[in-house]
Amino acid sequence: MISMSFLTGLFTFMAFVSGSALLVMVYLDNRKVRIDDGIAKFRRHIDALSPEARRSSVHHNNPEDRWSR
């Protein structure tokens, strides 16, 4: 009788933890802001710059150019 109660409690606890983990994963998957959105926003920003401003921005972010200074 005691082992049946223990198993019931264990499975209830495992079901609760699994359900909570599933809810967290669904929440994190459905967030509106994603890393790809930030990358796309950065590329749109770079594309909107004039060629002179783009040159200095790309030059600033290019690791090979940083070491040559």
N, C-alpha and C. Protein backbone atom coordinates (compact mmCIF):
# COMPACT_ATOMS: atom_id res chain seq x y z
N MET A 1 0.82 -1.20 0.00
CA MET A 1 0.00 0.00 0.00
C MET A 1 0.87 1.27 0.00
N ILE A 2 1.93 1.23 0.79
CA ILE A 2 2.80 2.40 0.85
C ILE A 2 3.54 2.58 -0.48
N SER A 3 3.98 1.48 -1.09
CA SER A 3 4.69 1.59 -2.36
C SER A 3 3.78 2.11 -3.46
N MET A 4 2.51 1.76 -3.42
CA MET A 4 1.57 2.27 -4.42
C MET A 4 1.40 3.78 -4.24
N SER A 5 1.36 4.24 -3.03
CA SER A 5 1.24 5.67 -2.78
C SER A 5 2.49 6.40 -3.23
N PHE A 6 3.65 5.78 -2.99
CA PHE A 6 4.91 6.38 -3.41
C PHE A 6 4.97 6.48 -4.93
N LEU A 7 4.61 5.41 -5.62
CA LEU A 7 4.64 5.42 -7.08
C LEU A 7 3.66 6.45 -7.65
N THR A 8 2.50 6.56 -7.04
CA THR A 8 1.53 7.55 -7.50
C THR A 8 2.09 8.96 -7.34
N GLY A 9 2.69 9.21 -6.21
CA GLY A 9 3.29 10.53 -5.96
C GLY A 9 4.45 10.81 -6.91
N LEU A 10 5.26 9.78 -7.15
CA LEU A 10 6.39 9.94 -8.06
C LEU A 10 5.92 10.26 -9.47
N PHE A 11 4.95 9.50 -9.97
CA PHE A 11 4.45 9.76 -11.32
C PHE A 11 3.72 11.10 -11.40
N THR A 12 3.04 11.49 -10.35
CA THR A 12 2.39 12.80 -10.34
C THR A 12 3.44 13.91 -10.41
N PHE A 13 4.50 13.76 -9.62
CA PHE A 13 5.58 14.74 -9.65
C PHE A 13 6.25 14.80 -11.02
N MET A 14 6.53 13.63 -11.60
CA MET A 14 7.16 13.59 -12.92
C MET A 14 6.25 14.20 -13.99
N ALA A 15 4.95 13.97 -13.89
CA ALA A 15 4.01 14.56 -14.84
C ALA A 15 3.99 16.08 -14.70
N PHE A 16 4.04 16.56 -13.47
CA PHE A 16 4.06 18.00 -13.23
C PHE A 16 5.33 18.63 -13.79
N VAL A 17 6.49 18.02 -13.55
CA VAL A 17 7.75 18.55 -14.05
C VAL A 17 7.77 18.51 -15.58
N SER A 18 7.30 17.42 -16.16
CA SER A 18 7.29 17.31 -17.63
C SER A 18 6.35 18.35 -18.24
N GLY A 19 5.17 18.53 -17.66
CA GLY A 19 4.23 19.53 -18.15
C GLY A 19 4.79 20.93 -18.04
N SER A 20 5.46 21.21 -16.93
CA SER A 20 6.06 22.53 -16.75
C SER A 20 7.17 22.78 -17.77
N ALA A 21 7.99 21.76 -18.00
CA ALA A 21 9.06 21.89 -19.00
C ALA A 21 8.47 22.11 -20.39
N LEU A 22 7.40 21.41 -20.70
CA LEU A 22 6.75 21.59 -22.00
C LEU A 22 6.20 23.00 -22.15
N LEU A 23 5.58 23.53 -21.11
CA LEU A 23 5.05 24.89 -21.17
C LEU A 23 6.18 25.92 -21.36
N VAL A 24 7.29 25.72 -20.68
CA VAL A 24 8.43 26.64 -20.82
C VAL A 24 8.98 26.58 -22.23
N MET A 25 9.10 25.38 -22.80
CA MET A 25 9.62 25.25 -24.16
C MET A 25 8.68 25.88 -25.18
N VAL A 26 7.38 25.73 -24.99
CA VAL A 26 6.41 26.34 -25.91
C VAL A 26 6.48 27.86 -25.79
N TYR A 27 6.59 28.37 -24.56
CA TYR A 27 6.70 29.81 -24.35
C TYR A 27 7.95 30.36 -25.02
N LEU A 28 9.09 29.71 -24.82
CA LEU A 28 10.33 30.19 -25.41
C LEU A 28 10.32 30.10 -26.92
N ASP A 29 9.63 29.11 -27.46
CA ASP A 29 9.57 28.96 -28.91
C ASP A 29 8.67 30.00 -29.56
N ASN A 30 7.68 30.48 -28.83
CA ASN A 30 6.71 31.41 -29.40
C ASN A 30 7.00 32.87 -29.09
N ARG A 31 8.19 33.15 -28.56
CA ARG A 31 8.52 34.55 -28.29
C ARG A 31 8.56 35.32 -29.59
N LYS A 32 8.22 36.58 -29.53
CA LYS A 32 8.18 37.40 -30.74
C LYS A 32 9.57 37.82 -31.19
N VAL A 33 10.48 38.04 -30.26
CA VAL A 33 11.82 38.49 -30.59
C VAL A 33 12.73 37.27 -30.68
N ARG A 34 13.37 37.12 -31.79
CA ARG A 34 14.30 36.01 -32.00
C ARG A 34 15.63 36.58 -32.45
N ILE A 35 16.66 35.77 -32.35
CA ILE A 35 17.99 36.22 -32.75
C ILE A 35 18.02 36.54 -34.23
N ASP A 36 17.28 35.79 -35.03
CA ASP A 36 17.25 36.05 -36.47
C ASP A 36 16.65 37.42 -36.77
N ASP A 37 15.69 37.85 -35.95
CA ASP A 37 15.10 39.17 -36.15
C ASP A 37 16.14 40.27 -35.95
N GLY A 38 17.00 40.10 -34.97
CA GLY A 38 18.05 41.09 -34.72
C GLY A 38 19.04 41.14 -35.86
N ILE A 39 19.38 39.98 -36.40
CA ILE A 39 20.31 39.94 -37.53
C ILE A 39 19.68 40.60 -38.75
N ALA A 40 18.41 40.31 -39.00
CA ALA A 40 17.72 40.91 -40.15
C ALA A 40 17.61 42.42 -39.98
N LYS A 41 17.35 42.87 -38.76
CA LYS A 41 17.26 44.31 -38.50
C LYS A 41 18.61 44.99 -38.74
N PHE A 42 19.69 44.34 -38.30
CA PHE A 42 21.02 44.89 -38.53
C PHE A 42 21.32 44.98 -40.02
N ARG A 43 20.98 43.95 -40.78
CA ARG A 43 21.23 43.98 -42.23
C ARG A 43 20.41 45.05 -42.92
N ARG A 44 19.16 45.23 -42.50
CA ARG A 44 18.35 46.31 -43.09
C ARG A 44 18.96 47.66 -42.77
N HIS A 45 19.48 47.81 -41.56
CA HIS A 45 20.10 49.07 -41.17
C HIS A 45 21.34 49.34 -42.02
N ILE A 46 22.17 48.33 -42.20
CA ILE A 46 23.37 48.48 -43.03
C ILE A 46 22.99 48.80 -44.47
N ASP A 47 21.96 48.12 -44.98
CA ASP A 47 21.53 48.37 -46.37
C ASP A 47 20.99 49.79 -46.55
N ALA A 48 20.43 50.37 -45.48
CA ALA A 48 19.85 51.70 -45.58
C ALA A 48 20.91 52.80 -45.52
N LEU A 49 22.11 52.47 -45.09
CA LEU A 49 23.16 53.48 -44.99
C LEU A 49 23.67 53.88 -46.37
N SER A 50 24.20 55.07 -46.43
CA SER A 50 24.84 55.50 -47.67
C SER A 50 26.14 54.71 -47.87
N PRO A 51 26.66 54.67 -49.09
CA PRO A 51 27.89 53.89 -49.32
C PRO A 51 29.06 54.34 -48.45
N GLU A 52 29.18 55.64 -48.19
CA GLU A 52 30.28 56.12 -47.36
C GLU A 52 30.13 55.64 -45.91
N ALA A 53 28.91 55.76 -45.39
CA ALA A 53 28.68 55.32 -44.01
C ALA A 53 28.79 53.80 -43.90
N ARG A 54 28.34 53.10 -44.93
CA ARG A 54 28.42 51.64 -44.92
C ARG A 54 29.87 51.19 -44.92
N ARG A 55 30.70 51.90 -45.67
CA ARG A 55 32.10 51.52 -45.75
C ARG A 55 32.76 51.61 -44.38
N SER A 56 32.51 52.67 -43.64
CA SER A 56 33.13 52.80 -42.32
C SER A 56 32.55 51.80 -41.33
N SER A 57 31.27 51.49 -41.44
CA SER A 57 30.65 50.52 -40.54
C SER A 57 31.18 49.11 -40.81
N VAL A 58 31.28 48.75 -42.07
CA VAL A 58 31.80 47.43 -42.43
C VAL A 58 33.28 47.35 -42.07
N HIS A 59 34.01 48.43 -42.30
CA HIS A 59 35.42 48.47 -41.96
C HIS A 59 35.60 48.30 -40.45
N HIS A 60 34.73 48.93 -39.67
CA HIS A 60 34.80 48.85 -38.21
C HIS A 60 34.51 47.43 -37.72
N ASN A 61 33.65 46.69 -38.40
CA ASN A 61 33.25 45.36 -37.95
C ASN A 61 34.06 44.24 -38.59
N ASN A 62 34.98 44.57 -39.48
CA ASN A 62 35.79 43.56 -40.13
C ASN A 62 37.02 43.28 -39.26
N PRO A 63 37.18 42.05 -38.74
CA PRO A 63 38.30 41.75 -37.85
C PRO A 63 39.66 41.90 -38.54
N GLU A 64 39.73 41.64 -39.82
CA GLU A 64 41.02 41.76 -40.51
C GLU A 64 41.47 43.21 -40.55
N ASP A 65 40.51 44.13 -40.71
CA ASP A 65 40.86 45.55 -40.76
C ASP A 65 41.22 46.08 -39.39
N ARG A 66 40.69 45.48 -38.34
CA ARG A 66 40.99 45.95 -36.99
C ARG A 66 42.46 45.73 -36.67
N TRP A 67 43.03 44.62 -37.12
CA TRP A 67 44.41 44.32 -36.78
C TRP A 67 45.39 45.09 -37.64
N SER A 68 44.94 45.59 -38.78
CA SER A 68 45.84 46.30 -39.66
C SER A 68 46.03 47.76 -39.28
N ARG A 69 45.27 48.23 -38.34
CA ARG A 69 45.38 49.65 -37.93
C ARG A 69 46.61 49.90 -37.12
